[in-house]
């Protein structure tokens, strides 16, 4: 059965996007990455937040890569968690309920990963006990402000088990 993986690039100070969800900070650091290259064929579907789907794209301005998952390196079913569906898009399903979105994404992924994209969706999955694994890919930059990889003021500690460098299993929530 599919597992939910929160895989992301992040600044060393814990941000995955700059202020307002700006992903342009990542563009100079995009290059072939063996971890990502190994992961992509293991992804069966994406569970995407509405803000991420709507434009947090480090490939902005590149007509061949903009708006495509992993810059065009992956194609398949995407499930966007939102209460504001957009116009129909091929291979994209808009879902208003977290559990329905996770169930649909898992069914579509088969025995592969559901890759979670978006900090708020990942937080919701973690708080609901649905997130299985985390892959953190640090980028050598300090942003100072923006969208944190996990933001839960007053929240509790979430223990993780190391599976491999930068790859963790969620132990409990």
N, C-alpha and C. Protein backbone atom coordinates (compact mmCIF):
# COMPACT_ATOMS: atom_id res chain seq x y z
N UNK A 1 0.84 -1.19 0.00
CA UNK A 1 0.00 0.00 0.00
C UNK A 1 0.87 1.24 0.00
N UNK A 2 0.38 2.28 -0.60
CA UNK A 2 1.12 3.54 -0.71
C UNK A 2 1.40 4.15 0.65
N UNK A 3 2.52 4.84 0.74
CA UNK A 3 2.88 5.62 1.92
C UNK A 3 2.89 7.09 1.55
N UNK A 4 2.57 7.93 2.54
CA UNK A 4 2.65 9.38 2.35
C UNK A 4 4.03 9.86 2.72
N UNK A 5 4.69 10.50 1.76
CA UNK A 5 6.03 11.04 1.93
C UNK A 5 5.99 12.55 1.76
N UNK A 6 6.49 13.27 2.75
CA UNK A 6 6.65 14.72 2.63
C UNK A 6 8.09 14.93 2.21
N UNK A 7 8.32 15.13 0.91
CA UNK A 7 9.65 15.36 0.38
C UNK A 7 9.77 16.81 -0.05
N UNK A 8 10.86 17.47 0.37
CA UNK A 8 10.98 18.90 0.09
C UNK A 8 12.43 19.34 0.14
N UNK A 9 12.70 20.42 -0.57
CA UNK A 9 13.97 21.15 -0.43
C UNK A 9 13.72 22.25 0.58
N UNK A 10 14.76 22.55 1.36
CA UNK A 10 14.59 23.58 2.39
C UNK A 10 15.87 24.35 2.59
N UNK A 11 15.73 25.60 2.99
CA UNK A 11 16.90 26.39 3.37
C UNK A 11 17.42 25.84 4.70
N UNK A 12 18.65 26.15 5.01
CA UNK A 12 19.23 25.65 6.25
C UNK A 12 18.57 26.23 7.49
N UNK A 13 17.81 27.32 7.35
CA UNK A 13 17.10 27.86 8.50
C UNK A 13 15.63 27.41 8.53
N UNK A 14 15.29 26.38 7.77
CA UNK A 14 13.99 25.73 7.92
C UNK A 14 12.84 26.25 7.08
N UNK A 15 13.13 26.94 5.98
CA UNK A 15 12.06 27.44 5.12
C UNK A 15 12.06 26.68 3.80
N UNK A 16 10.86 26.37 3.30
CA UNK A 16 10.79 25.75 1.99
C UNK A 16 10.37 26.73 0.92
N UNK A 17 9.85 27.87 1.32
CA UNK A 17 9.52 28.95 0.39
C UNK A 17 9.82 30.26 1.09
N UNK A 18 10.07 31.28 0.30
CA UNK A 18 10.29 32.61 0.83
C UNK A 18 8.98 33.26 1.19
N UNK A 19 9.01 34.53 1.58
CA UNK A 19 7.78 35.26 1.92
C UNK A 19 6.76 35.17 0.78
N UNK A 20 5.50 34.95 1.16
CA UNK A 20 4.44 34.86 0.17
C UNK A 20 4.47 33.60 -0.67
N UNK A 21 5.27 32.61 -0.26
CA UNK A 21 5.36 31.37 -1.02
C UNK A 21 6.32 31.42 -2.19
N UNK A 22 7.17 32.45 -2.25
CA UNK A 22 8.10 32.62 -3.36
C UNK A 22 9.12 31.48 -3.41
N UNK A 23 9.17 30.80 -4.53
CA UNK A 23 10.12 29.70 -4.71
C UNK A 23 11.32 30.08 -5.57
N UNK A 24 11.42 31.33 -5.97
CA UNK A 24 12.53 31.72 -6.86
C UNK A 24 13.89 31.53 -6.19
N UNK A 25 13.94 31.51 -4.86
CA UNK A 25 15.20 31.31 -4.16
C UNK A 25 15.85 29.98 -4.54
N UNK A 26 15.03 29.00 -4.92
CA UNK A 26 15.53 27.65 -5.19
C UNK A 26 16.14 27.53 -6.58
N UNK A 27 15.74 28.37 -7.51
CA UNK A 27 16.15 28.25 -8.92
C UNK A 27 17.67 28.11 -9.10
N UNK A 28 18.50 28.92 -8.45
CA UNK A 28 19.95 28.76 -8.68
C UNK A 28 20.52 27.44 -8.18
N UNK A 29 19.76 26.72 -7.36
CA UNK A 29 20.26 25.49 -6.76
C UNK A 29 19.72 24.24 -7.45
N UNK A 30 18.88 24.42 -8.45
CA UNK A 30 18.32 23.27 -9.15
C UNK A 30 19.38 22.68 -10.08
N UNK A 31 19.66 21.43 -9.85
CA UNK A 31 20.63 20.70 -10.67
C UNK A 31 20.33 19.22 -10.49
N UNK A 32 20.90 18.37 -11.31
CA UNK A 32 20.65 16.94 -11.11
C UNK A 32 21.00 16.52 -9.68
N UNK A 33 20.14 15.69 -9.12
CA UNK A 33 20.31 15.22 -7.74
C UNK A 33 20.01 13.73 -7.71
N UNK A 34 20.98 12.89 -7.35
CA UNK A 34 20.75 11.44 -7.36
C UNK A 34 19.61 11.00 -6.44
N UNK A 35 19.41 11.69 -5.32
CA UNK A 35 18.32 11.33 -4.41
C UNK A 35 16.98 11.56 -5.09
N UNK A 36 16.83 12.71 -5.73
CA UNK A 36 15.58 13.03 -6.42
C UNK A 36 15.40 12.09 -7.62
N UNK A 37 16.48 11.85 -8.35
CA UNK A 37 16.40 10.96 -9.52
C UNK A 37 15.95 9.55 -9.11
N UNK A 38 16.38 9.09 -7.94
CA UNK A 38 15.97 7.77 -7.45
C UNK A 38 14.53 7.80 -6.94
N UNK A 39 14.12 8.92 -6.37
CA UNK A 39 12.78 9.04 -5.80
C UNK A 39 11.69 9.12 -6.87
N UNK A 40 11.91 9.87 -7.91
CA UNK A 40 10.85 10.16 -8.90
C UNK A 40 10.15 8.90 -9.41
N UNK A 41 10.84 7.84 -9.79
CA UNK A 41 10.11 6.66 -10.27
C UNK A 41 9.34 5.93 -9.17
N UNK A 42 9.60 6.28 -7.92
CA UNK A 42 8.92 5.64 -6.79
C UNK A 42 7.67 6.41 -6.36
N UNK A 43 7.36 7.51 -7.07
CA UNK A 43 6.18 8.32 -6.76
C UNK A 43 5.03 7.89 -7.67
N UNK A 44 3.90 7.55 -7.05
CA UNK A 44 2.73 7.14 -7.81
C UNK A 44 1.69 8.22 -7.97
N UNK A 45 1.68 9.18 -7.04
CA UNK A 45 0.74 10.30 -7.13
C UNK A 45 1.24 11.43 -6.24
N UNK A 46 0.63 12.60 -6.43
CA UNK A 46 0.97 13.77 -5.62
C UNK A 46 -0.27 14.22 -4.86
N UNK A 47 -0.06 14.62 -3.61
CA UNK A 47 -1.08 15.29 -2.80
C UNK A 47 -0.55 16.70 -2.61
N UNK A 48 -1.25 17.67 -3.20
CA UNK A 48 -0.72 19.02 -3.33
C UNK A 48 -1.62 20.02 -2.63
N UNK A 49 -1.02 20.99 -1.96
CA UNK A 49 -1.77 22.09 -1.38
C UNK A 49 -2.19 23.07 -2.46
N UNK A 50 -3.23 23.82 -2.20
CA UNK A 50 -3.77 24.75 -3.19
C UNK A 50 -2.77 25.85 -3.55
N UNK A 51 -2.08 26.39 -2.55
CA UNK A 51 -1.10 27.44 -2.83
C UNK A 51 0.05 26.89 -3.68
N UNK A 52 0.51 25.71 -3.36
CA UNK A 52 1.58 25.10 -4.14
C UNK A 52 1.12 24.85 -5.57
N UNK A 53 -0.07 24.30 -5.71
CA UNK A 53 -0.61 24.04 -7.05
C UNK A 53 -0.78 25.33 -7.84
N UNK A 54 -1.14 26.40 -7.14
CA UNK A 54 -1.44 27.66 -7.81
C UNK A 54 -0.25 28.50 -8.20
N UNK A 55 0.98 28.05 -7.91
CA UNK A 55 2.05 28.87 -8.41
C UNK A 55 3.37 28.90 -7.67
N UNK A 56 3.52 28.20 -6.56
CA UNK A 56 4.83 28.17 -5.91
C UNK A 56 5.73 27.29 -6.78
N UNK A 57 6.41 27.88 -7.75
CA UNK A 57 7.13 27.11 -8.75
C UNK A 57 8.51 27.69 -8.99
N UNK A 58 9.58 26.94 -8.64
CA UNK A 58 10.93 27.45 -8.89
C UNK A 58 11.28 27.51 -10.38
N UNK A 59 10.43 26.92 -11.23
CA UNK A 59 10.68 26.94 -12.68
C UNK A 59 9.91 28.05 -13.38
N UNK A 60 9.36 28.98 -12.60
CA UNK A 60 8.59 30.09 -13.17
C UNK A 60 9.43 30.81 -14.23
N UNK A 61 8.80 31.02 -15.38
CA UNK A 61 9.48 31.70 -16.47
C UNK A 61 10.15 30.75 -17.46
N UNK A 62 10.23 29.48 -17.13
CA UNK A 62 10.79 28.48 -18.04
C UNK A 62 9.63 27.76 -18.72
N UNK A 63 9.34 28.10 -19.97
CA UNK A 63 8.14 27.56 -20.62
C UNK A 63 8.11 26.04 -20.73
N UNK A 64 9.25 25.40 -20.71
CA UNK A 64 9.29 23.94 -20.82
C UNK A 64 9.10 23.24 -19.48
N UNK A 65 9.33 23.94 -18.36
CA UNK A 65 9.29 23.29 -17.05
C UNK A 65 8.26 23.87 -16.09
N UNK A 66 7.85 25.12 -16.30
CA UNK A 66 6.93 25.78 -15.37
C UNK A 66 5.61 25.03 -15.28
N UNK A 67 5.14 24.86 -14.04
CA UNK A 67 3.85 24.23 -13.80
C UNK A 67 3.86 22.72 -13.87
N UNK A 68 5.02 22.14 -14.08
CA UNK A 68 5.13 20.68 -14.19
C UNK A 68 5.81 20.13 -12.94
N UNK A 69 5.31 19.01 -12.47
CA UNK A 69 5.89 18.39 -11.27
C UNK A 69 7.35 18.03 -11.53
N UNK A 70 8.20 18.39 -10.58
CA UNK A 70 9.63 18.15 -10.68
C UNK A 70 10.18 18.71 -11.98
N UNK A 71 9.65 19.86 -12.40
CA UNK A 71 10.11 20.52 -13.62
C UNK A 71 9.88 19.70 -14.87
N UNK A 72 8.90 18.82 -14.84
CA UNK A 72 8.61 17.96 -15.98
C UNK A 72 9.21 16.57 -15.84
N UNK A 73 9.89 16.31 -14.74
CA UNK A 73 10.52 15.01 -14.53
C UNK A 73 9.57 13.93 -14.06
N UNK A 74 8.33 14.30 -13.74
CA UNK A 74 7.34 13.33 -13.27
C UNK A 74 5.99 13.69 -13.85
N UNK A 75 5.23 12.66 -14.23
CA UNK A 75 3.86 12.85 -14.67
C UNK A 75 2.99 11.80 -14.02
N UNK A 76 1.78 12.20 -13.68
CA UNK A 76 0.85 11.26 -13.07
C UNK A 76 -0.28 11.99 -12.38
N UNK A 77 -1.09 11.24 -11.64
CA UNK A 77 -2.25 11.85 -10.99
C UNK A 77 -1.87 12.76 -9.83
N UNK A 78 -2.54 13.90 -9.77
CA UNK A 78 -2.35 14.86 -8.69
C UNK A 78 -3.69 15.12 -8.03
N UNK A 79 -3.66 15.21 -6.70
CA UNK A 79 -4.85 15.49 -5.92
C UNK A 79 -4.58 16.76 -5.14
N UNK A 80 -5.35 17.79 -5.43
CA UNK A 80 -5.15 19.11 -4.82
C UNK A 80 -6.18 19.29 -3.71
N UNK A 81 -5.69 19.48 -2.50
CA UNK A 81 -6.56 19.70 -1.35
C UNK A 81 -6.96 21.16 -1.32
N UNK A 82 -8.25 21.43 -1.55
CA UNK A 82 -8.71 22.82 -1.62
C UNK A 82 -10.22 22.89 -1.45
N UNK A 83 -10.66 24.03 -0.98
CA UNK A 83 -12.09 24.33 -0.95
C UNK A 83 -12.43 25.29 -2.09
N UNK A 84 -11.40 25.61 -2.92
CA UNK A 84 -11.57 26.51 -4.06
C UNK A 84 -11.04 25.84 -5.33
N UNK A 85 -11.79 24.89 -5.90
CA UNK A 85 -11.30 24.21 -7.10
C UNK A 85 -11.06 25.19 -8.24
N UNK A 86 -10.08 24.87 -9.04
CA UNK A 86 -9.77 25.67 -10.22
C UNK A 86 -10.45 25.03 -11.44
N UNK A 87 -10.24 25.63 -12.59
CA UNK A 87 -10.76 25.05 -13.83
C UNK A 87 -10.15 23.66 -14.01
N UNK A 88 -10.86 22.75 -14.66
CA UNK A 88 -10.34 21.39 -14.85
C UNK A 88 -8.95 21.38 -15.51
N UNK A 89 -8.11 20.49 -14.99
CA UNK A 89 -6.76 20.31 -15.49
C UNK A 89 -6.55 18.81 -15.66
N UNK A 90 -5.97 18.36 -16.79
CA UNK A 90 -5.74 16.94 -16.97
C UNK A 90 -4.92 16.34 -15.83
N UNK A 91 -5.30 15.16 -15.38
CA UNK A 91 -4.62 14.41 -14.32
C UNK A 91 -4.66 15.08 -12.95
N UNK A 92 -5.51 16.10 -12.77
CA UNK A 92 -5.62 16.79 -11.49
C UNK A 92 -7.06 16.66 -10.99
N UNK A 93 -7.17 16.23 -9.72
CA UNK A 93 -8.47 16.13 -9.06
C UNK A 93 -8.46 17.05 -7.86
N UNK A 94 -9.47 17.90 -7.76
CA UNK A 94 -9.60 18.81 -6.63
C UNK A 94 -10.49 18.16 -5.59
N UNK A 95 -10.01 18.12 -4.34
CA UNK A 95 -10.73 17.44 -3.26
C UNK A 95 -10.79 18.38 -2.06
N UNK A 96 -11.95 18.46 -1.42
CA UNK A 96 -12.13 19.38 -0.31
C UNK A 96 -11.90 18.79 1.06
N UNK A 97 -11.74 17.48 1.17
CA UNK A 97 -11.58 16.81 2.46
C UNK A 97 -10.23 16.10 2.52
N UNK A 98 -9.48 16.30 3.59
CA UNK A 98 -8.15 15.71 3.72
C UNK A 98 -8.18 14.19 3.59
N UNK A 99 -9.05 13.53 4.32
CA UNK A 99 -9.08 12.06 4.30
C UNK A 99 -9.47 11.53 2.93
N UNK A 100 -10.42 12.18 2.28
CA UNK A 100 -10.81 11.77 0.92
C UNK A 100 -9.65 11.96 -0.04
N UNK A 101 -8.93 13.06 0.09
CA UNK A 101 -7.80 13.33 -0.79
C UNK A 101 -6.70 12.29 -0.58
N UNK A 102 -6.40 11.97 0.68
CA UNK A 102 -5.36 10.97 0.97
C UNK A 102 -5.78 9.61 0.44
N UNK A 103 -7.03 9.22 0.67
CA UNK A 103 -7.50 7.91 0.18
C UNK A 103 -7.40 7.83 -1.34
N UNK A 104 -7.82 8.88 -2.03
CA UNK A 104 -7.78 8.88 -3.49
C UNK A 104 -6.33 8.85 -4.00
N UNK A 105 -5.46 9.64 -3.37
CA UNK A 105 -4.05 9.66 -3.77
C UNK A 105 -3.38 8.32 -3.54
N UNK A 106 -3.69 7.68 -2.41
CA UNK A 106 -3.13 6.35 -2.12
C UNK A 106 -3.61 5.32 -3.12
N UNK A 107 -4.89 5.36 -3.44
CA UNK A 107 -5.44 4.40 -4.41
C UNK A 107 -4.75 4.59 -5.76
N UNK A 108 -4.52 5.83 -6.15
CA UNK A 108 -3.88 6.10 -7.44
C UNK A 108 -2.40 5.71 -7.43
N UNK A 109 -1.76 5.80 -6.28
CA UNK A 109 -0.32 5.52 -6.19
C UNK A 109 -0.01 4.04 -6.18
N UNK A 110 -0.98 3.20 -5.84
CA UNK A 110 -0.72 1.76 -5.76
C UNK A 110 0.26 1.45 -4.65
N UNK A 111 1.38 0.82 -5.00
CA UNK A 111 2.39 0.48 -3.99
C UNK A 111 3.54 1.49 -3.98
N UNK A 112 3.35 2.63 -4.64
CA UNK A 112 4.37 3.67 -4.66
C UNK A 112 4.04 4.76 -3.63
N UNK A 113 4.88 5.78 -3.58
CA UNK A 113 4.66 6.89 -2.66
C UNK A 113 3.60 7.86 -3.17
N UNK A 114 2.90 8.45 -2.21
CA UNK A 114 2.14 9.68 -2.44
C UNK A 114 3.07 10.77 -1.94
N UNK A 115 3.54 11.63 -2.84
CA UNK A 115 4.44 12.70 -2.44
C UNK A 115 3.60 13.92 -2.08
N UNK A 116 3.73 14.37 -0.84
CA UNK A 116 2.99 15.52 -0.34
C UNK A 116 3.78 16.78 -0.68
N UNK A 117 3.10 17.74 -1.33
CA UNK A 117 3.72 19.01 -1.68
C UNK A 117 2.92 20.13 -1.04
N UNK A 118 3.59 20.90 -0.20
CA UNK A 118 2.94 22.02 0.47
C UNK A 118 3.01 21.86 1.98
N UNK A 119 3.51 22.88 2.64
CA UNK A 119 3.72 22.83 4.09
C UNK A 119 2.43 22.65 4.86
N UNK A 120 1.36 23.33 4.46
CA UNK A 120 0.12 23.23 5.22
C UNK A 120 -0.51 21.85 5.07
N UNK A 121 -0.49 21.29 3.88
CA UNK A 121 -1.03 19.94 3.68
C UNK A 121 -0.20 18.93 4.47
N UNK A 122 1.12 19.08 4.46
CA UNK A 122 1.97 18.17 5.22
C UNK A 122 1.66 18.27 6.72
N UNK A 123 1.46 19.50 7.20
CA UNK A 123 1.12 19.68 8.62
C UNK A 123 -0.20 18.99 8.94
N UNK A 124 -1.19 19.17 8.07
CA UNK A 124 -2.49 18.53 8.30
C UNK A 124 -2.36 17.01 8.32
N UNK A 125 -1.58 16.47 7.39
CA UNK A 125 -1.37 15.02 7.34
C UNK A 125 -0.67 14.53 8.61
N UNK A 126 0.32 15.28 9.05
CA UNK A 126 1.05 14.90 10.26
C UNK A 126 0.14 14.94 11.47
N UNK A 127 -0.63 16.00 11.62
CA UNK A 127 -1.54 16.12 12.77
C UNK A 127 -2.63 15.06 12.75
N UNK A 128 -3.03 14.60 11.56
CA UNK A 128 -4.06 13.57 11.46
C UNK A 128 -3.48 12.16 11.56
N UNK A 129 -2.16 12.05 11.73
CA UNK A 129 -1.54 10.73 11.84
C UNK A 129 -1.44 10.00 10.52
N UNK A 130 -1.43 10.73 9.41
CA UNK A 130 -1.43 10.13 8.08
C UNK A 130 -0.07 10.12 7.40
N UNK A 131 0.85 10.96 7.87
CA UNK A 131 2.16 11.08 7.22
C UNK A 131 3.07 9.94 7.68
N UNK A 132 3.70 9.26 6.73
CA UNK A 132 4.56 8.12 7.05
C UNK A 132 6.04 8.47 7.09
N UNK A 133 6.50 9.23 6.09
CA UNK A 133 7.94 9.49 5.98
C UNK A 133 8.19 10.94 5.56
N UNK A 134 9.41 11.40 5.86
CA UNK A 134 9.85 12.75 5.52
C UNK A 134 11.23 12.65 4.87
N UNK A 135 11.39 13.33 3.75
CA UNK A 135 12.68 13.45 3.09
C UNK A 135 13.02 14.93 3.01
N UNK A 136 14.01 15.35 3.78
CA UNK A 136 14.43 16.75 3.83
C UNK A 136 15.71 16.92 3.03
N UNK A 137 15.66 17.78 2.02
CA UNK A 137 16.83 18.01 1.18
C UNK A 137 17.33 19.43 1.40
N UNK A 138 18.31 19.59 2.32
CA UNK A 138 18.79 20.93 2.65
C UNK A 138 19.54 21.58 1.49
N UNK A 139 19.34 22.88 1.36
CA UNK A 139 19.98 23.69 0.33
C UNK A 139 20.85 24.72 1.04
N UNK A 140 22.08 24.93 0.58
CA UNK A 140 23.01 25.81 1.29
C UNK A 140 22.69 27.30 1.14
N UNK A 141 21.61 27.71 1.82
CA UNK A 141 21.21 29.11 1.81
C UNK A 141 20.40 29.38 3.07
N UNK A 142 20.44 30.59 3.57
CA UNK A 142 19.61 31.02 4.69
C UNK A 142 18.62 32.05 4.15
N UNK A 143 17.32 31.80 4.30
CA UNK A 143 16.30 32.71 3.78
C UNK A 143 15.88 33.77 4.79
N UNK A 144 15.86 33.40 6.07
CA UNK A 144 15.50 34.37 7.09
C UNK A 144 14.02 34.57 7.31
N UNK A 145 13.18 34.24 6.34
CA UNK A 145 11.74 34.43 6.45
C UNK A 145 11.06 33.62 5.36
N UNK A 146 9.79 33.32 5.58
CA UNK A 146 9.03 32.61 4.56
C UNK A 146 8.13 31.55 5.14
N UNK A 147 7.93 30.51 4.36
CA UNK A 147 7.06 29.39 4.75
C UNK A 147 7.92 28.31 5.37
N UNK A 148 7.68 28.03 6.64
CA UNK A 148 8.44 27.00 7.35
C UNK A 148 8.04 25.61 6.89
N UNK A 149 8.98 24.67 7.00
CA UNK A 149 8.66 23.30 6.59
C UNK A 149 7.59 22.70 7.49
N UNK A 150 7.60 23.09 8.76
CA UNK A 150 6.58 22.62 9.69
C UNK A 150 6.39 23.72 10.72
N UNK A 151 5.20 24.26 10.76
CA UNK A 151 4.93 25.36 11.68
C UNK A 151 3.71 25.00 12.51
N UNK A 152 3.92 24.84 13.80
CA UNK A 152 2.83 24.49 14.71
C UNK A 152 3.14 25.13 16.06
N UNK A 153 2.95 26.45 16.16
CA UNK A 153 3.26 27.13 17.43
C UNK A 153 2.53 26.47 18.60
N UNK A 154 3.27 26.21 19.65
CA UNK A 154 2.69 25.57 20.82
C UNK A 154 2.46 24.08 20.64
N UNK A 155 2.88 23.56 19.50
CA UNK A 155 2.67 22.14 19.20
C UNK A 155 3.60 21.23 19.99
N UNK A 156 3.43 19.97 19.80
CA UNK A 156 4.24 18.99 20.50
C UNK A 156 5.38 18.51 19.61
N UNK A 157 6.38 17.93 20.24
CA UNK A 157 7.51 17.36 19.53
C UNK A 157 7.04 16.13 18.75
N UNK A 158 7.54 15.97 17.53
CA UNK A 158 7.20 14.81 16.70
C UNK A 158 8.47 13.98 16.55
N UNK A 159 8.53 12.81 17.18
CA UNK A 159 9.73 11.99 17.05
C UNK A 159 9.81 11.34 15.67
N UNK A 160 11.05 11.28 15.16
CA UNK A 160 11.30 10.68 13.86
C UNK A 160 12.39 9.62 14.00
N UNK A 161 12.30 8.60 13.19
CA UNK A 161 13.33 7.55 13.14
C UNK A 161 14.12 7.74 11.86
N UNK A 162 15.45 7.73 11.95
CA UNK A 162 16.30 7.91 10.78
C UNK A 162 16.27 6.63 9.95
N UNK A 163 15.93 6.77 8.67
CA UNK A 163 15.94 5.65 7.73
C UNK A 163 17.19 5.67 6.87
N UNK A 164 17.63 6.86 6.50
CA UNK A 164 18.81 7.10 5.67
C UNK A 164 19.15 8.57 5.86
N UNK A 165 20.29 9.01 5.34
CA UNK A 165 20.58 10.44 5.49
C UNK A 165 19.43 11.30 4.96
N UNK A 166 18.95 12.19 5.80
CA UNK A 166 17.87 13.13 5.48
C UNK A 166 16.51 12.46 5.25
N UNK A 167 16.38 11.16 5.50
CA UNK A 167 15.13 10.43 5.28
C UNK A 167 14.68 9.86 6.62
N UNK A 168 13.42 10.13 6.99
CA UNK A 168 12.93 9.81 8.32
C UNK A 168 11.56 9.14 8.26
N UNK A 169 11.29 8.29 9.23
CA UNK A 169 9.96 7.72 9.42
C UNK A 169 9.32 8.44 10.60
N UNK A 170 8.06 8.81 10.45
CA UNK A 170 7.32 9.43 11.53
C UNK A 170 6.99 8.33 12.53
N UNK A 171 7.47 8.49 13.78
CA UNK A 171 7.30 7.46 14.80
C UNK A 171 5.92 7.54 15.42
N UNK A 172 5.50 8.73 15.80
CA UNK A 172 4.17 8.90 16.38
C UNK A 172 3.80 10.37 16.28
N UNK A 173 2.52 10.60 16.42
CA UNK A 173 2.04 11.98 16.35
C UNK A 173 1.25 12.27 17.60
